[in-house]
Amino acid sequence: MDPRLAAFERLLNTMDDLREKCPWDKKQTLDSLRHLTIEETYELADAITDNDLKALEGEIGDLFLHMVFYCKIGQEKNAFDVTTVLNSICDKLVHRHPHIYGDVEATTEEEVKENWEKLKLKEGKKSVLEGVPNSLPALVKATRIQEKAKGIGFEWEKREDVWAKVEEEMKELTAEVNSGAIHEKIEDEFGDVLFSLINYARFLKINPENALSKTNNKFRQRFMLMENLMKLDSLSIDDSDLEIMDTYWEKAKIQLRAEHKL
């Protein structure tokens, strides 16, 4: 037997055993697993960000387990099982890759994406944006919305035009702030700035979620080192003013750069 199939069969059999015999596994429902799956997905994302391939291997396994768990519960409800789920995704992939399994020509990544979105509309989707989950974090959601729109050609032509839009939105935000506008109006303009910056990031081929995640990690490392350096000098961050903290912030930045961490 193909070792891949043997390993997957082992996972399915293990899931059957746990669902039957383990008190915790027997109690789980679709709802109880939901937040755990989200947590596991973020742990997988952390492993990718950290380029920790060993951790990534483990996190992929955790998600495999969750998918098999959902299939097991679906089977118990006579709704679906692992066989129907896997056949369904295979059928979808074949249908949406006519350049591989049909006579459609697509030689570039952009052509593939465009065909993908058009096929989804033909399948009965009412909107190109219909496939963007409502529960996505706002930053990721904005990126996906823009990618979906791009898939059917609704896109700026030049990077310079996108940056001009960023500057336009910044001016509008500044004008609202300076005019003393109500909070909701300022919030609205601030959202426009973020949306336009995310759009610009795509033109730079930067994933804004990854970029912000790295900046968050950078700030966290520097801040925690700043705290430790202050403790070594018997200083309490609670009783220190901004000038003192800024001095140690610079020390932390220099130290981390010397260690090639940031």
C-alpha atoms as a PDB file:
ATOM      1  CA  MET A   1       0.000   0.000   0.000  1.00  0.00           C
ATOM      2  CA  ASP A   2       1.085   3.558  -0.677  1.00  0.00           C
ATOM      3  CA  PRO A   3       2.569   4.811   2.643  1.00  0.00           C
ATOM      4  CA  ARG A   4       0.502   7.987   2.324  1.00  0.00           C
ATOM      5  CA  LEU A   5      -2.706   5.978   2.183  1.00  0.00           C
ATOM      6  CA  ALA A   6      -1.554   3.779   5.063  1.00  0.00           C
ATOM      7  CA  ALA A   7      -0.829   6.830   7.222  1.00  0.00           C
ATOM      8  CA  PHE A   8      -4.212   8.370   6.427  1.00  0.00           C
ATOM      9  CA  GLU A   9      -6.001   5.102   7.160  1.00  0.00           C
ATOM     10  CA  ARG A  10      -4.187   4.959  10.507  1.00  0.00           C
ATOM     11  CA  LEU A  11      -5.457   8.454  11.350  1.00  0.00           C
ATOM     12  CA  LEU A  12      -9.027   7.492  10.428  1.00  0.00           C
ATOM     13  CA  ASN A  13      -8.848   4.336  12.558  1.00  0.00           C
ATOM     14  CA  THR A  14      -7.376   6.273  15.466  1.00  0.00           C
ATOM     15  CA  MET A  15     -10.198   8.805  15.207  1.00  0.00           C
ATOM     16  CA  ASP A  16     -12.739   5.978  15.288  1.00  0.00           C
ATOM     17  CA  ASP A  17     -11.125   4.607  18.465  1.00  0.00           C
ATOM     18  CA  LEU A  18     -11.008   7.983  20.197  1.00  0.00           C
ATOM     19  CA  ARG A  19     -14.595   8.841  19.334  1.00  0.00           C
ATOM     20  CA  GLU A  20     -15.756   5.530  20.762  1.00  0.00           C
ATOM     21  CA  LYS A  21     -13.558   5.218  23.845  1.00  0.00           C
ATOM     22  CA  CYS A  22     -12.194   8.610  24.976  1.00  0.00           C
ATOM     23  CA  PRO A  23     -14.500  10.600  27.327  1.00  0.00           C
ATOM     24  CA  TRP A  24     -13.263  13.945  25.955  1.00  0.00           C
ATOM     25  CA  ASP A  25     -13.464  12.997  22.281  1.00  0.00           C
ATOM     26  CA  LYS A  26     -16.927  11.482  22.742  1.00  0.00           C
ATOM     27  CA  LYS A  27     -18.289  14.812  24.021  1.00  0.00           C
ATOM     28  CA  GLN A  28     -17.025  17.031  21.191  1.00  0.00           C
ATOM     29  CA  THR A  29     -19.398  18.699  18.755  1.00  0.00           C
ATOM     30  CA  LEU A  30     -18.980  20.871  15.663  1.00  0.00           C
ATOM     31  CA  ASP A  31     -19.432  23.949  17.850  1.00  0.00           C
ATOM     32  CA  SER A  32     -17.012  22.850  20.572  1.00  0.00           C
ATOM     33  CA  LEU A  33     -14.295  22.115  18.013  1.00  0.00           C
ATOM     34  CA  ARG A  34     -14.700  25.419  16.154  1.00  0.00           C
ATOM     35  CA  HIS A  35     -12.625  27.653  18.434  1.00  0.00           C
ATOM     36  CA  LEU A  36     -10.005  24.929  18.838  1.00  0.00           C
ATOM     37  CA  THR A  37      -9.620  24.692  15.053  1.00  0.00           C
ATOM     38  CA  ILE A  38      -9.195  28.466  14.820  1.00  0.00           C
ATOM     39  CA  GLU A  39      -6.523  28.307  17.537  1.00  0.00           C
ATOM     40  CA  GLU A  40      -4.705  25.498  15.736  1.00  0.00           C
ATOM     41  CA  THR A  41      -4.799  27.495  12.498  1.00  0.00           C
ATOM     42  CA  TYR A  42      -3.131  30.451  14.193  1.00  0.00           C
ATOM     43  CA  GLU A  43      -0.486  28.143  15.655  1.00  0.00           C
ATOM     44  CA  LEU A  44       0.200  26.861  12.142  1.00  0.00           C
ATOM     45  CA  ALA A  45       0.465  30.460  10.953  1.00  0.00           C
ATOM     46  CA  ASP A  46       2.984  31.194  13.726  1.00  0.00           C
ATOM     47  CA  ALA A  47       5.126  28.248  12.646  1.00  0.00           C
ATOM     48  CA  ILE A  48       5.136  29.534   9.074  1.00  0.00           C
ATOM     49  CA  THR A  49       6.032  33.072  10.197  1.00  0.00           C
ATOM     50  CA  ASP A  50       8.865  31.693  12.352  1.00  0.00           C
ATOM     51  CA  ASN A  51      10.004  29.391   9.524  1.00  0.00           C
ATOM     52  CA  ASP A  52       9.946  26.553  12.054  1.00  0.00           C
ATOM     53  CA  LEU A  53       9.445  23.543   9.800  1.00  0.00           C
ATOM     54  CA  LYS A  54       9.450  21.040  12.669  1.00  0.00           C
ATOM     55  CA  ALA A  55       6.687  22.936  14.436  1.00  0.00           C
ATOM     56  CA  LEU A  56       4.868  23.289  11.121  1.00  0.00           C
ATOM     57  CA  GLU A  57       4.866  19.525  10.674  1.00  0.00           C
ATOM     58  CA  GLY A  58       3.168  19.129  14.042  1.00  0.00           C
ATOM     59  CA  GLU A  59       0.620  21.873  13.425  1.00  0.00           C
ATOM     60  CA  ILE A  60      -0.346  20.383  10.049  1.00  0.00           C
ATOM     61  CA  GLY A  61      -0.966  17.108  11.846  1.00  0.00           C
ATOM     62  CA  ASP A  62      -3.201  18.846  14.367  1.00  0.00           C
ATOM     63  CA  LEU A  63      -5.289  20.353  11.572  1.00  0.00           C
ATOM     64  CA  PHE A  64      -5.496  16.991   9.798  1.00  0.00           C
ATOM     65  CA  LEU A  65      -6.920  15.584  13.019  1.00  0.00           C
ATOM     66  CA  HIS A  66      -9.514  18.344  13.195  1.00  0.00           C
ATOM     67  CA  MET A  67     -10.624  17.780   9.612  1.00  0.00           C
ATOM     68  CA  VAL A  68     -10.992  14.050  10.239  1.00  0.00           C
ATOM     69  CA  PHE A  69     -12.881  14.830  13.454  1.00  0.00           C
ATOM     70  CA  TYR A  70     -15.393  16.987  11.552  1.00  0.00           C
ATOM     71  CA  CYS A  71     -15.835  14.227   8.999  1.00  0.00           C
ATOM     72  CA  LYS A  72     -16.488  11.725  11.777  1.00  0.00           C
ATOM     73  CA  ILE A  73     -19.178  13.943  13.300  1.00  0.00           C
ATOM     74  CA  GLY A  74     -20.668  14.535   9.844  1.00  0.00           C
ATOM     75  CA  GLN A  75     -20.840  10.785   9.318  1.00  0.00           C
ATOM     76  CA  GLU A  76     -22.650  10.348  12.650  1.00  0.00           C
ATOM     77  CA  LYS A  77     -25.188  12.946  11.523  1.00  0.00           C
ATOM     78  CA  ASN A  78     -25.615  11.193   8.157  1.00  0.00           C
ATOM     79  CA  ALA A  79     -24.650  14.497   6.513  1.00  0.00           C
ATOM     80  CA  PHE A  80     -21.244  13.713   4.982  1.00  0.00           C
ATOM     81  CA  ASP A  81     -18.135  11.657   5.645  1.00  0.00           C
ATOM     82  CA  VAL A  82     -14.463  11.715   4.744  1.00  0.00           C
ATOM     83  CA  THR A  83     -15.142   9.961   1.418  1.00  0.00           C
ATOM     84  CA  THR A  84     -17.719  12.470   0.231  1.00  0.00           C
ATOM     85  CA  VAL A  85     -15.611  15.390   1.451  1.00  0.00           C
ATOM     86  CA  LEU A  86     -12.493  14.259  -0.397  1.00  0.00           C
ATOM     87  CA  ASN A  87     -14.366  13.363  -3.583  1.00  0.00           C
ATOM     88  CA  SER A  88     -16.135  16.717  -3.468  1.00  0.00           C
ATOM     89  CA  ILE A  89     -12.906  18.724  -3.281  1.00  0.00           C
ATOM     90  CA  CYS A  90     -11.365  16.610  -6.056  1.00  0.00           C
ATOM     91  CA  ASP A  91     -14.390  17.217  -8.271  1.00  0.00           C
ATOM     92  CA  LYS A  92     -14.180  20.958  -7.577  1.00  0.00           C
ATOM     93  CA  LEU A  93     -10.466  21.093  -8.388  1.00  0.00           C
ATOM     94  CA  VAL A  94     -10.946  19.261 -11.669  1.00  0.00           C
ATOM     95  CA  HIS A  95     -13.858  21.514 -12.635  1.00  0.00           C
ATOM     96  CA  ARG A  96     -11.990  24.717 -11.776  1.00  0.00           C
ATOM     97  CA  HIS A  97      -8.805  23.720 -13.584  1.00  0.00           C
ATOM     98  CA  PRO A  98     -10.021  23.337 -17.167  1.00  0.00           C
ATOM     99  CA  HIS A  99      -6.545  24.347 -18.327  1.00  0.00           C
ATOM    100  CA  ILE A 100      -5.339  21.046 -16.848  1.00  0.00           C
ATOM    101  CA  TYR A 101      -8.341  18.765 -17.254  1.00  0.00           C
ATOM    102  CA  GLY A 102     -10.046  20.435 -20.221  1.00  0.00           C
ATOM    103  CA  ASP A 103      -9.299  22.409 -23.361  1.00  0.00           C
ATOM    104  CA  VAL A 104      -9.012  25.908 -21.829  1.00  0.00           C
ATOM    105  CA  GLU A 105      -5.671  27.675 -22.179  1.00  0.00           C
ATOM    106  CA  ALA A 106      -4.141  29.488 -19.212  1.00  0.00           C
ATOM    107  CA  THR A 107      -0.399  30.050 -19.158  1.00  0.00           C
ATOM    108  CA  THR A 108      -0.077  32.617 -16.367  1.00  0.00           C
ATOM    109  CA  GLU A 109      -1.093  32.770 -12.727  1.00  0.00           C
ATOM    110  CA  GLU A 110      -3.377  35.718 -13.424  1.00  0.00           C
ATOM    111  CA  GLU A 111      -5.228  33.854 -16.175  1.00  0.00           C
ATOM    112  CA  VAL A 112      -5.766  30.912 -13.829  1.00  0.00           C
ATOM    113  CA  LYS A 113      -7.209  33.190 -11.122  1.00  0.00           C
ATOM    114  CA  GLU A 114      -9.454  34.965 -13.605  1.00  0.00           C
ATOM    115  CA  ASN A 115     -10.821  31.654 -14.923  1.00  0.00           C
ATOM    116  CA  TRP A 116     -11.350  30.464 -11.343  1.00  0.00           C
ATOM    117  CA  GLU A 117     -13.528  33.464 -10.439  1.00  0.00           C
ATOM    118  CA  LYS A 118     -15.527  33.267 -13.668  1.00  0.00           C
ATOM    119  CA  LEU A 119     -16.231  29.580 -13.094  1.00  0.00           C
ATOM    120  CA  LYS A 120     -17.465  30.315  -9.578  1.00  0.00           C
ATOM    121  CA  LEU A 121     -19.958  32.838 -10.972  1.00  0.00           C
ATOM    122  CA  LYS A 122     -21.170  30.267 -13.508  1.00  0.00           C
ATOM    123  CA  GLU A 123     -21.677  27.826 -10.629  1.00  0.00           C
ATOM    124  CA  GLY A 124     -24.341  30.130  -9.217  1.00  0.00           C
ATOM    125  CA  LYS A 125     -22.365  32.491  -6.999  1.00  0.00           C
ATOM    126  CA  LYS A 126     -24.224  35.792  -6.841  1.00  0.00           C
ATOM    127  CA  SER A 127     -21.101  37.844  -6.293  1.00  0.00           C
ATOM    128  CA  VAL A 128     -17.360  37.520  -6.793  1.00  0.00           C
ATOM    129  CA  LEU A 129     -17.020  38.517  -3.134  1.00  0.00           C
ATOM    130  CA  GLU A 130     -19.392  35.837  -1.889  1.00  0.00           C
ATOM    131  CA  GLY A 131     -16.565  33.475  -1.003  1.00  0.00           C
ATOM    132  CA  VAL A 132     -14.918  35.861   1.472  1.00  0.00           C
ATOM    133  CA  PRO A 133     -15.834  34.668   4.999  1.00  0.00           C
ATOM    134  CA  ASN A 134     -17.507  37.283   7.197  1.00  0.00           C
ATOM    135  CA  SER A 135     -15.564  36.121  10.255  1.00  0.00           C
ATOM    136  CA  LEU A 136     -12.128  36.780   8.750  1.00  0.00           C
ATOM    137  CA  PRO A 137      -9.995  39.338  10.628  1.00  0.00           C
ATOM    138  CA  ALA A 138     -10.472  42.725   8.953  1.00  0.00           C
ATOM    139  CA  LEU A 139      -6.922  42.962   7.583  1.00  0.00           C
ATOM    140  CA  VAL A 140      -7.073  39.542   5.968  1.00  0.00           C
ATOM    141  CA  LYS A 141     -10.614  40.181   4.776  1.00  0.00           C
ATOM    142  CA  ALA A 142      -9.613  43.414   3.016  1.00  0.00           C
ATOM    143  CA  THR A 143      -6.807  41.575   1.235  1.00  0.00           C
ATOM    144  CA  ARG A 144      -9.107  38.790   0.088  1.00  0.00           C
ATOM    145  CA  ILE A 145     -11.763  41.265  -1.101  1.00  0.00           C
ATOM    146  CA  GLN A 146      -9.178  43.084  -3.203  1.00  0.00           C
ATOM    147  CA  GLU A 147      -7.783  39.841  -4.604  1.00  0.00           C
ATOM    148  CA  LYS A 148     -11.285  38.689  -5.553  1.00  0.00           C
ATOM    149  CA  ALA A 149     -12.005  41.989  -7.313  1.00  0.00           C
ATOM    150  CA  LYS A 150      -8.701  41.760  -9.132  1.00  0.00           C
ATOM    151  CA  GLY A 151      -9.633  38.266 -10.312  1.00  0.00           C
ATOM    152  CA  ILE A 152     -12.283  39.679 -12.659  1.00  0.00           C
ATOM    153  CA  GLY A 153     -10.205  42.667 -13.777  1.00  0.00           C
ATOM    154  CA  PHE A 154     -11.379  45.334 -11.288  1.00  0.00           C
ATOM    155  CA  GLU A 155      -7.884  46.597 -10.557  1.00  0.00           C
ATOM    156  CA  TRP A 156      -5.641  49.648 -10.791  1.00  0.00           C
ATOM    157  CA  GLU A 157      -3.268  49.576 -13.751  1.00  0.00           C
ATOM    158  CA  LYS A 158      -0.209  51.204 -12.195  1.00  0.00           C
ATOM    159  CA  ARG A 159       1.366  51.145  -8.753  1.00  0.00           C
ATOM    160  CA  GLU A 160       1.739  54.932  -8.846  1.00  0.00           C
ATOM    161  CA  ASP A 161      -2.031  55.319  -9.146  1.00  0.00           C
ATOM    162  CA  VAL A 162      -2.543  53.203  -6.050  1.00  0.00           C
ATOM    163  CA  TRP A 163      -0.087  55.313  -4.046  1.00  0.00           C
ATOM    164  CA  ALA A 164      -1.851  58.454  -5.248  1.00  0.00           C
ATOM    165  CA  LYS A 165      -5.045  56.973  -3.794  1.00  0.00           C
ATOM    166  CA  VAL A 166      -3.260  56.383  -0.476  1.00  0.00           C
ATOM    167  CA  GLU A 167      -2.174  60.029  -0.395  1.00  0.00           C
ATOM    168  CA  GLU A 168      -5.700  61.152  -1.288  1.00  0.00           C
ATOM    169  CA  GLU A 169      -7.183  59.126   1.574  1.00  0.00           C
ATOM    170  CA  MET A 170      -4.540  60.461   3.979  1.00  0.00           C
ATOM    171  CA  LYS A 171      -5.474  64.036   3.076  1.00  0.00           C
ATOM    172  CA  GLU A 172      -9.148  63.288   3.639  1.00  0.00           C
ATOM    173  CA  LEU A 173      -8.375  61.763   7.043  1.00  0.00           C
ATOM    174  CA  THR A 174      -6.217  64.740   8.041  1.00  0.00           C
ATOM    175  CA  ALA A 175      -8.937  67.155   6.949  1.00  0.00           C
ATOM    176  CA  GLU A 176     -11.555  65.389   9.076  1.00  0.00           C
ATOM    177  CA  VAL A 177      -9.255  65.298  12.115  1.00  0.00           C
ATOM    178  CA  ASN A 178      -8.349  68.983  11.775  1.00  0.00           C
ATOM    179  CA  SER A 179     -11.984  69.974  11.306  1.00  0.00           C
ATOM    180  CA  GLY A 180     -12.993  68.308  14.557  1.00  0.00           C
ATOM    181  CA  ALA A 181     -15.333  65.892  12.798  1.00  0.00           C
ATOM    182  CA  ILE A 182     -17.350  63.366  14.771  1.00  0.00           C
ATOM    183  CA  HIS A 183     -15.582  60.161  15.771  1.00  0.00           C
ATOM    184  CA  GLU A 184     -17.523  57.991  13.326  1.00  0.00           C
ATOM    185  CA  LYS A 185     -16.440  60.134  10.367  1.00  0.00           C
ATOM    186  CA  ILE A 186     -12.779  60.024  11.384  1.00  0.00           C
ATOM    187  CA  GLU A 187     -13.041  56.272  11.886  1.00  0.00           C
ATOM    188  CA  ASP A 188     -14.546  55.936   8.410  1.00  0.00           C
ATOM    189  CA  GLU A 189     -11.701  57.887   6.809  1.00  0.00           C
ATOM    190  CA  PHE A 190      -9.110  55.948   8.806  1.00  0.00           C
ATOM    191  CA  GLY A 191     -10.595  52.716   7.451  1.00  0.00           C
ATOM    192  CA  ASP A 192     -10.251  54.087   3.917  1.00  0.00           C
ATOM    193  CA  VAL A 193      -6.556  54.786   4.563  1.00  0.00           C
ATOM    194  CA  LEU A 194      -5.962  51.243   5.796  1.00  0.00           C
ATOM    195  CA  PHE A 195      -7.857  49.732   2.855  1.00  0.00           C
ATOM    196  CA  SER A 196      -5.812  51.767   0.352  1.00  0.00           C
ATOM    197  CA  LEU A 197      -2.539  50.827   2.090  1.00  0.00           C
ATOM    198  CA  ILE A 198      -3.462  47.157   1.906  1.00  0.00           C
ATOM    199  CA  ASN A 199      -4.124  47.640  -1.784  1.00  0.00           C
ATOM    200  CA  TYR A 200      -0.703  49.250  -2.216  1.00  0.00           C
ATOM    201  CA  ALA A 201       0.914  46.358  -0.359  1.00  0.00           C
ATOM    202  CA  ARG A 202      -0.475  43.970  -2.972  1.00  0.00           C
ATOM    203  CA  PHE A 203       1.159  46.004  -5.734  1.00  0.00           C
ATOM    204  CA  LEU A 204       4.453  45.702  -3.855  1.00  0.00           C
ATOM    205  CA  LYS A 205       3.814  41.939  -3.617  1.00  0.00           C
ATOM    206  CA  ILE A 206       3.775  42.220   0.163  1.00  0.00           C
ATOM    207  CA  ASN A 207       1.321  40.271   2.275  1.00  0.00           C
ATOM    208  CA  PRO A 208       0.084  42.953   4.707  1.00  0.00           C
ATOM    209  CA  GLU A 209      -0.868  40.394   7.361  1.00  0.00           C
ATOM    210  CA  ASN A 210       2.653  38.925   7.311  1.00  0.00           C
ATOM    211  CA  ALA A 211       4.227  42.379   7.331  1.00  0.00           C
ATOM    212  CA  LEU A 212       2.197  43.535  10.330  1.00  0.00           C
ATOM    213  CA  SER A 213       2.802  40.240  12.131  1.00  0.00           C
ATOM    214  CA  LYS A 214       6.558  40.681  11.764  1.00  0.00           C
ATOM    215  CA  THR A 215       6.334  44.273  12.995  1.00  0.00           C
ATOM    216  CA  ASN A 216       4.290  43.123  16.000  1.00  0.00           C
ATOM    217  CA  ASN A 217       6.957  40.534  16.816  1.00  0.00           C
ATOM    218  CA  LYS A 218       9.703  43.117  16.384  1.00  0.00           C
ATOM    219  CA  PHE A 219       8.002  45.558  18.739  1.00  0.00           C
ATOM    220  CA  ARG A 220       7.325  42.801  21.278  1.00  0.00           C
ATOM    221  CA  GLN A 221      10.958  41.668  21.315  1.00  0.00           C
ATOM    222  CA  ARG A 222      12.259  45.212  21.685  1.00  0.00           C
ATOM    223  CA  PHE A 223       9.753  46.128  24.384  1.00  0.00           C
ATOM    224  CA  MET A 224      10.427  43.008  26.464  1.00  0.00           C
ATOM    225  CA  LEU A 225      14.193  43.517  26.166  1.00  0.00           C
ATOM    226  CA  MET A 226      13.700  47.163  27.191  1.00  0.00           C
ATOM    227  CA  GLU A 227      11.900  45.932  30.321  1.00  0.00           C
ATOM    228  CA  ASN A 228      14.708  43.487  31.127  1.00  0.00           C
ATOM    229  CA  LEU A 229      17.439  46.088  30.616  1.00  0.00           C
ATOM    230  CA  MET A 230      15.636  48.462  32.951  1.00  0.00           C
ATOM    231  CA  LYS A 231      15.300  45.739  35.585  1.00  0.00           C
ATOM    232  CA  LEU A 232      19.047  45.069  35.383  1.00  0.00           C
ATOM    233  CA  ASP A 233      19.570  48.738  36.256  1.00  0.00           C
ATOM    234  CA  SER A 234      17.045  48.481  39.103  1.00  0.00           C
ATOM    235  CA  LEU A 235      14.502  50.623  37.292  1.00  0.00           C
ATOM    236  CA  SER A 236      10.764  49.964  37.355  1.00  0.00           C
ATOM    237  CA  ILE A 237       8.932  50.587  34.128  1.00  0.00           C
ATOM    238  CA  ASP A 238       5.856  51.594  36.138  1.00  0.00           C
ATOM    239  CA  ASP A 239       7.731  54.507  37.744  1.00  0.00           C
ATOM    240  CA  SER A 240       9.766  55.618  34.719  1.00  0.00           C
ATOM    241  CA  ASP A 241       8.941  58.499  32.420  1.00  0.00           C
ATOM    242  CA  LEU A 242       8.912  58.395  28.634  1.00  0.00           C
ATOM    243  CA  GLU A 243      12.422  59.846  28.335  1.00  0.00           C
ATOM    244  CA  ILE A 244      13.945  57.030  30.400  1.00  0.00           C
ATOM    245  CA  MET A 245      11.960  54.360  28.566  1.00  0.00           C
ATOM    246  CA  ASP A 246      13.001  55.820  25.209  1.00  0.00           C
ATOM    247  CA  THR A 247      16.669  55.608  26.247  1.00  0.00           C
ATOM    248  CA  TYR A 248      16.343  51.924  27.044  1.00  0.00           C
ATOM    249  CA  TRP A 249      14.241  51.371  23.906  1.00  0.00           C
ATOM    250  CA  GLU A 250      17.216  52.565  21.851  1.00  0.00           C
ATOM    251  CA  LYS A 251      19.548  50.313  23.837  1.00  0.00           C
ATOM    252  CA  ALA A 252      17.297  47.337  23.148  1.00  0.00           C
ATOM    253  CA  LYS A 253      17.159  48.179  19.461  1.00  0.00           C
ATOM    254  CA  ILE A 254      20.955  48.382  19.226  1.00  0.00           C
ATOM    255  CA  GLN A 255      21.413  45.100  21.107  1.00  0.00           C
ATOM    256  CA  LEU A 256      18.929  43.194  18.971  1.00  0.00           C
ATOM    257  CA  ARG A 257      20.443  44.541  15.775  1.00  0.00           C
ATOM    258  CA  ALA A 258      23.886  43.427  16.990  1.00  0.00           C
ATOM    259  CA  GLU A 259      22.453  39.973  17.565  1.00  0.00           C
ATOM    260  CA  HIS A 260      20.988  40.064  14.005  1.00  0.00           C
ATOM    261  CA  LYS A 261      17.528  39.426  15.404  1.00  0.00           C
ATOM    262  CA  LEU A 262      15.991  42.634  14.068  1.00  0.00           C
END
